[in-house]
Amino acid sequence: MDQKIHLLYCRMAVFRILIGNYLEEGEAHPRMLEVEVLLAELEMTLADISEVFMSCDTKEERTNATMNEDTVD
């Protein structure tokens, strides 16, 4: 039997929790306003964003990779 799983798209409130877990500077990052605008326009799940964070080795890579992923989608 097929079952559908409904995944919620990531919004800013949840993204703040993710950056707290993966980036130490959190909301102080200069690109947070850009992220807020992009998240309102894009449909990315928590899994999509977490995958980007986990694939990076450094804090700066995580930030830049997430922003690049958002703009590509």
PDB file of N, CA and C in Angstrom:
ATOM      1  N   MET A   1       0.837  -1.162   0.000  1.00  0.00           N
ATOM      2  CA  MET A   1       0.000   0.000   0.000  1.00  0.00           C
ATOM      3  C   MET A   1       0.894   1.242   0.000  1.00  0.00           C
ATOM      4  N   ASP A   2       0.610   2.155  -0.911  1.00  0.00           N
ATOM      5  CA  ASP A   2       1.359   3.407  -0.986  1.00  0.00           C
ATOM      6  C   ASP A   2       0.820   4.406   0.025  1.00  0.00           C
ATOM      7  N   GLN A   3       1.733   5.063   0.673  1.00  0.00           N
ATOM      8  CA  GLN A   3       1.349   6.114   1.607  1.00  0.00           C
ATOM      9  C   GLN A   3       2.141   7.367   1.276  1.00  0.00           C
ATOM     10  N   LYS A   4       1.489   8.481   1.373  1.00  0.00           N
ATOM     11  CA  LYS A   4       2.161   9.749   1.113  1.00  0.00           C
ATOM     12  C   LYS A   4       2.601  10.366   2.429  1.00  0.00           C
ATOM     13  N   ILE A   5       3.789  10.910   2.398  1.00  0.00           N
ATOM     14  CA  ILE A   5       4.314  11.628   3.553  1.00  0.00           C
ATOM     15  C   ILE A   5       4.382  13.101   3.171  1.00  0.00           C
ATOM     16  N   HIS A   6       3.749  13.921   3.942  1.00  0.00           N
ATOM     17  CA  HIS A   6       3.755  15.358   3.669  1.00  0.00           C
ATOM     18  C   HIS A   6       4.861  16.017   4.494  1.00  0.00           C
ATOM     19  N   LEU A   7       5.850  16.527   3.778  1.00  0.00           N
ATOM     20  CA  LEU A   7       6.946  17.224   4.434  1.00  0.00           C
ATOM     21  C   LEU A   7       6.682  18.726   4.375  1.00  0.00           C
ATOM     22  N   LEU A   8       6.878  19.371   5.468  1.00  0.00           N
ATOM     23  CA  LEU A   8       6.700  20.816   5.509  1.00  0.00           C
ATOM     24  C   LEU A   8       7.914  21.504   4.906  1.00  0.00           C
ATOM     25  N   TYR A   9       7.671  22.618   4.276  1.00  0.00           N
ATOM     26  CA  TYR A   9       8.773  23.401   3.756  1.00  0.00           C
ATOM     27  C   TYR A   9       9.372  24.235   4.878  1.00  0.00           C
ATOM     28  N   CYS A  10      10.647  24.457   4.756  1.00  0.00           N
ATOM     29  CA  CYS A  10      11.360  25.198   5.789  1.00  0.00           C
ATOM     30  C   CYS A  10      11.018  26.680   5.701  1.00  0.00           C
ATOM     31  N   ARG A  11      10.686  27.248   6.810  1.00  0.00           N
ATOM     32  CA  ARG A  11      10.436  28.680   6.923  1.00  0.00           C
ATOM     33  C   ARG A  11      11.445  29.261   7.903  1.00  0.00           C
ATOM     34  N   MET A  12      11.457  30.546   8.036  1.00  0.00           N
ATOM     35  CA  MET A  12      12.509  31.235   8.788  1.00  0.00           C
ATOM     36  C   MET A  12      12.608  30.785  10.242  1.00  0.00           C
ATOM     37  N   ALA A  13      11.492  30.567  10.894  1.00  0.00           N
ATOM     38  CA  ALA A  13      11.531  30.165  12.307  1.00  0.00           C
ATOM     39  C   ALA A  13      12.278  28.844  12.479  1.00  0.00           C
ATOM     40  N   VAL A  14      12.037  27.918  11.586  1.00  0.00           N
ATOM     41  CA  VAL A  14      12.708  26.619  11.663  1.00  0.00           C
ATOM     42  C   VAL A  14      14.156  26.748  11.210  1.00  0.00           C
ATOM     43  N   PHE A  15      14.396  27.594  10.210  1.00  0.00           N
ATOM     44  CA  PHE A  15      15.758  27.798   9.739  1.00  0.00           C
ATOM     45  C   PHE A  15      16.645  28.346  10.850  1.00  0.00           C
ATOM     46  N   ARG A  16      16.088  29.195  11.694  1.00  0.00           N
ATOM     47  CA  ARG A  16      16.856  29.733  12.832  1.00  0.00           C
ATOM     48  C   ARG A  16      17.333  28.605  13.752  1.00  0.00           C
ATOM     49  N   ILE A  17      16.511  27.602  13.935  1.00  0.00           N
ATOM     50  CA  ILE A  17      16.905  26.453  14.760  1.00  0.00           C
ATOM     51  C   ILE A  17      18.030  25.689  14.077  1.00  0.00           C
ATOM     52  N   LEU A  18      17.900  25.478  12.767  1.00  0.00           N
ATOM     53  CA  LEU A  18      18.943  24.766  12.027  1.00  0.00           C
ATOM     54  C   LEU A  18      20.276  25.501  12.081  1.00  0.00           C
ATOM     55  N   ILE A  19      20.262  26.811  11.875  1.00  0.00           N
ATOM     56  CA  ILE A  19      21.535  27.531  11.908  1.00  0.00           C
ATOM     57  C   ILE A  19      22.118  27.562  13.309  1.00  0.00           C
ATOM     58  N   GLY A  20      21.277  27.491  14.295  1.00  0.00           N
ATOM     59  CA  GLY A  20      21.779  27.388  15.666  1.00  0.00           C
ATOM     60  C   GLY A  20      22.516  26.083  15.890  1.00  0.00           C
ATOM     61  N   ASN A  21      22.076  25.038  15.196  1.00  0.00           N
ATOM     62  CA  ASN A  21      22.721  23.733  15.311  1.00  0.00           C
ATOM     63  C   ASN A  21      23.983  23.625  14.461  1.00  0.00           C
ATOM     64  N   TYR A  22      23.982  24.239  13.274  1.00  0.00           N
ATOM     65  CA  TYR A  22      25.083  24.057  12.336  1.00  0.00           C
ATOM     66  C   TYR A  22      26.045  25.238  12.251  1.00  0.00           C
ATOM     67  N   LEU A  23      25.577  26.447  12.533  1.00  0.00           N
ATOM     68  CA  LEU A  23      26.423  27.640  12.469  1.00  0.00           C
ATOM     69  C   LEU A  23      26.408  28.329  13.813  1.00  0.00           C
ATOM     70  N   GLU A  24      27.556  28.659  14.315  1.00  0.00           N
ATOM     71  CA  GLU A  24      27.623  29.243  15.654  1.00  0.00           C
ATOM     72  C   GLU A  24      27.191  30.708  15.692  1.00  0.00           C
ATOM     73  N   GLU A  25      27.336  31.429  14.591  1.00  0.00           N
ATOM     74  CA  GLU A  25      26.999  32.844  14.647  1.00  0.00           C
ATOM     75  C   GLU A  25      25.512  33.108  14.456  1.00  0.00           C
ATOM     76  N   GLY A  26      24.792  32.181  13.914  1.00  0.00           N
ATOM     77  CA  GLY A  26      23.342  32.282  13.811  1.00  0.00           C
ATOM     78  C   GLY A  26      22.849  33.516  13.097  1.00  0.00           C
ATOM     79  N   GLU A  27      21.919  34.226  13.734  1.00  0.00           N
ATOM     80  CA  GLU A  27      21.261  35.354  13.087  1.00  0.00           C
ATOM     81  C   GLU A  27      22.166  36.552  12.882  1.00  0.00           C
ATOM     82  N   ALA A  28      23.337  36.543  13.455  1.00  0.00           N
ATOM     83  CA  ALA A  28      24.264  37.660  13.283  1.00  0.00           C
ATOM     84  C   ALA A  28      24.908  37.648  11.896  1.00  0.00           C
ATOM     85  N   HIS A  29      24.730  36.575  11.139  1.00  0.00           N
ATOM     86  CA  HIS A  29      25.365  36.473   9.828  1.00  0.00           C
ATOM     87  C   HIS A  29      24.789  37.526   8.876  1.00  0.00           C
ATOM     88  N   PRO A  30      25.650  38.166   8.102  1.00  0.00           N
ATOM     89  CA  PRO A  30      25.204  39.254   7.228  1.00  0.00           C
ATOM     90  C   PRO A  30      24.217  38.833   6.136  1.00  0.00           C
ATOM     91  N   ARG A  31      24.135  37.555   5.820  1.00  0.00           N
ATOM     92  CA  ARG A  31      23.245  37.115   4.737  1.00  0.00           C
ATOM     93  C   ARG A  31      21.880  36.641   5.226  1.00  0.00           C
ATOM     94  N   MET A  32      21.576  36.827   6.509  1.00  0.00           N
ATOM     95  CA  MET A  32      20.307  36.323   7.045  1.00  0.00           C
ATOM     96  C   MET A  32      19.088  36.987   6.412  1.00  0.00           C
ATOM     97  N   LEU A  33      19.166  38.255   6.084  1.00  0.00           N
ATOM     98  CA  LEU A  33      18.039  38.915   5.419  1.00  0.00           C
ATOM     99  C   LEU A  33      17.786  38.302   4.048  1.00  0.00           C
ATOM    100  N   GLU A  34      18.871  37.977   3.360  1.00  0.00           N
ATOM    101  CA  GLU A  34      18.756  37.329   2.054  1.00  0.00           C
ATOM    102  C   GLU A  34      18.109  35.952   2.191  1.00  0.00           C
ATOM    103  N   VAL A  35      18.495  35.214   3.221  1.00  0.00           N
ATOM    104  CA  VAL A  35      17.911  33.898   3.476  1.00  0.00           C
ATOM    105  C   VAL A  35      16.412  34.025   3.725  1.00  0.00           C
ATOM    106  N   GLU A  36      16.030  35.001   4.507  1.00  0.00           N
ATOM    107  CA  GLU A  36      14.613  35.177   4.838  1.00  0.00           C
ATOM    108  C   GLU A  36      13.774  35.406   3.578  1.00  0.00           C
ATOM    109  N   VAL A  37      14.284  36.208   2.664  1.00  0.00           N
ATOM    110  CA  VAL A  37      13.576  36.468   1.411  1.00  0.00           C
ATOM    111  C   VAL A  37      13.500  35.193   0.570  1.00  0.00           C
ATOM    112  N   LEU A  38      14.614  34.481   0.471  1.00  0.00           N
ATOM    113  CA  LEU A  38      14.643  33.263  -0.340  1.00  0.00           C
ATOM    114  C   LEU A  38      13.730  32.176   0.209  1.00  0.00           C
ATOM    115  N   LEU A  39      13.727  31.995   1.514  1.00  0.00           N
ATOM    116  CA  LEU A  39      12.883  30.952   2.093  1.00  0.00           C
ATOM    117  C   LEU A  39      11.398  31.231   1.881  1.00  0.00           C
ATOM    118  N   ALA A  40      11.036  32.483   1.789  1.00  0.00           N
ATOM    119  CA  ALA A  40       9.639  32.832   1.528  1.00  0.00           C
ATOM    120  C   ALA A  40       9.243  32.477   0.095  1.00  0.00           C
ATOM    121  N   GLU A  41      10.225  32.436  -0.810  1.00  0.00           N
ATOM    122  CA  GLU A  41       9.952  32.174  -2.223  1.00  0.00           C
ATOM    123  C   GLU A  41      10.147  30.713  -2.617  1.00  0.00           C
ATOM    124  N   LEU A  42      11.053  30.016  -1.947  1.00  0.00           N
ATOM    125  CA  LEU A  42      11.425  28.655  -2.348  1.00  0.00           C
ATOM    126  C   LEU A  42      10.676  27.597  -1.559  1.00  0.00           C
ATOM    127  N   GLU A  43      10.694  26.406  -2.103  1.00  0.00           N
ATOM    128  CA  GLU A  43      10.089  25.271  -1.419  1.00  0.00           C
ATOM    129  C   GLU A  43      11.186  24.247  -1.130  1.00  0.00           C
ATOM    130  N   MET A  44      11.887  24.452  -0.034  1.00  0.00           N
ATOM    131  CA  MET A  44      12.932  23.528   0.397  1.00  0.00           C
ATOM    132  C   MET A  44      12.511  22.914   1.718  1.00  0.00           C
ATOM    133  N   THR A  45      12.701  21.607   1.820  1.00  0.00           N
ATOM    134  CA  THR A  45      12.355  20.932   3.066  1.00  0.00           C
ATOM    135  C   THR A  45      13.516  21.037   4.044  1.00  0.00           C
ATOM    136  N   LEU A  46      13.242  20.691   5.274  1.00  0.00           N
ATOM    137  CA  LEU A  46      14.303  20.662   6.291  1.00  0.00           C
ATOM    138  C   LEU A  46      15.398  19.691   5.883  1.00  0.00           C
ATOM    139  N   ALA A  47      15.004  18.574   5.290  1.00  0.00           N
ATOM    140  CA  ALA A  47      15.979  17.575   4.857  1.00  0.00           C
ATOM    141  C   ALA A  47      16.901  18.148   3.787  1.00  0.00           C
ATOM    142  N   ASP A  48      16.362  18.923   2.849  1.00  0.00           N
ATOM    143  CA  ASP A  48      17.184  19.549   1.809  1.00  0.00           C
ATOM    144  C   ASP A  48      18.252  20.448   2.425  1.00  0.00           C
ATOM    145  N   ILE A  49      17.843  21.281   3.335  1.00  0.00           N
ATOM    146  CA  ILE A  49      18.770  22.237   3.948  1.00  0.00           C
ATOM    147  C   ILE A  49      19.770  21.533   4.854  1.00  0.00           C
ATOM    148  N   SER A  50      19.321  20.574   5.625  1.00  0.00           N
ATOM    149  CA  SER A  50      20.225  19.825   6.504  1.00  0.00           C
ATOM    150  C   SER A  50      21.266  19.072   5.697  1.00  0.00           C
ATOM    151  N   GLU A  51      20.859  18.539   4.552  1.00  0.00           N
ATOM    152  CA  GLU A  51      21.796  17.820   3.685  1.00  0.00           C
ATOM    153  C   GLU A  51      22.912  18.742   3.214  1.00  0.00           C
ATOM    154  N   VAL A  52      22.566  19.961   2.869  1.00  0.00           N
ATOM    155  CA  VAL A  52      23.572  20.934   2.447  1.00  0.00           C
ATOM    156  C   VAL A  52      24.519  21.242   3.600  1.00  0.00           C
ATOM    157  N   PHE A  53      23.973  21.491   4.788  1.00  0.00           N
ATOM    158  CA  PHE A  53      24.813  21.779   5.953  1.00  0.00           C
ATOM    159  C   PHE A  53      25.765  20.626   6.258  1.00  0.00           C
ATOM    160  N   MET A  54      25.275  19.416   6.233  1.00  0.00           N
ATOM    161  CA  MET A  54      26.096  18.263   6.616  1.00  0.00           C
ATOM    162  C   MET A  54      27.164  17.936   5.586  1.00  0.00           C
ATOM    163  N   SER A  55      26.992  18.377   4.343  1.00  0.00           N
ATOM    164  CA  SER A  55      27.973  18.059   3.309  1.00  0.00           C
ATOM    165  C   SER A  55      29.187  18.989   3.341  1.00  0.00           C
ATOM    166  N   CYS A  56      29.178  19.979   4.200  1.00  0.00           N
ATOM    167  CA  CYS A  56      30.262  20.968   4.266  1.00  0.00           C
ATOM    168  C   CYS A  56      31.126  20.749   5.504  1.00  0.00           C
ATOM    169  N   ASP A  57      32.406  21.087   5.352  1.00  0.00           N
ATOM    170  CA  ASP A  57      33.345  20.880   6.445  1.00  0.00           C
ATOM    171  C   ASP A  57      33.483  22.084   7.372  1.00  0.00           C
ATOM    172  N   THR A  58      33.386  23.272   6.823  1.00  0.00           N
ATOM    173  CA  THR A  58      33.588  24.462   7.644  1.00  0.00           C
ATOM    174  C   THR A  58      32.315  25.295   7.730  1.00  0.00           C
ATOM    175  N   LYS A  59      32.286  26.177   8.695  1.00  0.00           N
ATOM    176  CA  LYS A  59      31.148  27.071   8.894  1.00  0.00           C
ATOM    177  C   LYS A  59      30.902  27.927   7.648  1.00  0.00           C
ATOM    178  N   GLU A  60      31.969  28.464   7.084  1.00  0.00           N
ATOM    179  CA  GLU A  60      31.831  29.335   5.910  1.00  0.00           C
ATOM    180  C   GLU A  60      31.311  28.550   4.711  1.00  0.00           C
ATOM    181  N   GLU A  61      31.787  27.316   4.539  1.00  0.00           N
ATOM    182  CA  GLU A  61      31.269  26.471   3.460  1.00  0.00           C
ATOM    183  C   GLU A  61      29.781  26.218   3.638  1.00  0.00           C
ATOM    184  N   ARG A  62      29.357  25.962   4.855  1.00  0.00           N
ATOM    185  CA  ARG A  62      27.938  25.692   5.116  1.00  0.00           C
ATOM    186  C   ARG A  62      27.078  26.882   4.732  1.00  0.00           C
ATOM    187  N   THR A  63      27.508  28.056   5.123  1.00  0.00           N
ATOM    188  CA  THR A  63      26.736  29.264   4.830  1.00  0.00           C
ATOM    189  C   THR A  63      26.656  29.500   3.332  1.00  0.00           C
ATOM    190  N   ASN A  64      27.795  29.475   2.673  1.00  0.00           N
ATOM    191  CA  ASN A  64      27.814  29.748   1.240  1.00  0.00           C
ATOM    192  C   ASN A  64      27.090  28.673   0.449  1.00  0.00           C
ATOM    193  N   ALA A  65      27.259  27.419   0.827  1.00  0.00           N
ATOM    194  CA  ALA A  65      26.597  26.331   0.116  1.00  0.00           C
ATOM    195  C   ALA A  65      25.090  26.430   0.246  1.00  0.00           C
ATOM    196  N   THR A  66      24.612  26.784   1.403  1.00  0.00           N
ATOM    197  CA  THR A  66      23.169  26.912   1.600  1.00  0.00           C
ATOM    198  C   THR A  66      22.617  28.035   0.742  1.00  0.00           C
ATOM    199  N   MET A  67      23.294  29.151   0.717  1.00  0.00           N
ATOM    200  CA  MET A  67      22.826  30.275  -0.088  1.00  0.00           C
ATOM    201  C   MET A  67      22.865  29.921  -1.566  1.00  0.00           C
ATOM    202  N   ASN A  68      23.913  29.240  -2.005  1.00  0.00           N
ATOM    203  CA  ASN A  68      24.015  28.853  -3.407  1.00  0.00           C
ATOM    204  C   ASN A  68      22.937  27.851  -3.774  1.00  0.00           C
ATOM    205  N   GLU A  69      22.656  26.907  -2.901  1.00  0.00           N
ATOM    206  CA  GLU A  69      21.613  25.914  -3.129  1.00  0.00           C
ATOM    207  C   GLU A  69      20.256  26.601  -3.246  1.00  0.00           C
ATOM    208  N   ASP A  70      19.999  27.561  -2.402  1.00  0.00           N
ATOM    209  CA  ASP A  70      18.726  28.289  -2.437  1.00  0.00           C
ATOM    210  C   ASP A  70      18.553  29.029  -3.755  1.00  0.00           C
ATOM    211  N   THR A  71      19.604  29.657  -4.234  1.00  0.00           N
ATOM    212  CA  THR A  71      19.468  30.459  -5.442  1.00  0.00           C
ATOM    213  C   THR A  71      19.397  29.590  -6.687  1.00  0.00           C
ATOM    214  N   VAL A  72      19.987  28.396  -6.673  1.00  0.00           N
ATOM    215  CA  VAL A  72      19.927  27.486  -7.814  1.00  0.00           C
ATOM    216  C   VAL A  72      18.535  26.911  -7.969  1.00  0.00           C
ATOM    217  N   ASP A  73      17.911  26.535  -6.855  1.00  0.00           N
ATOM    218  CA  ASP A  73      16.576  25.943  -6.932  1.00  0.00           C
ATOM    219  C   ASP A  73      15.611  26.989  -7.409  1.00  0.00           C
TER     220      ASP A  73
END
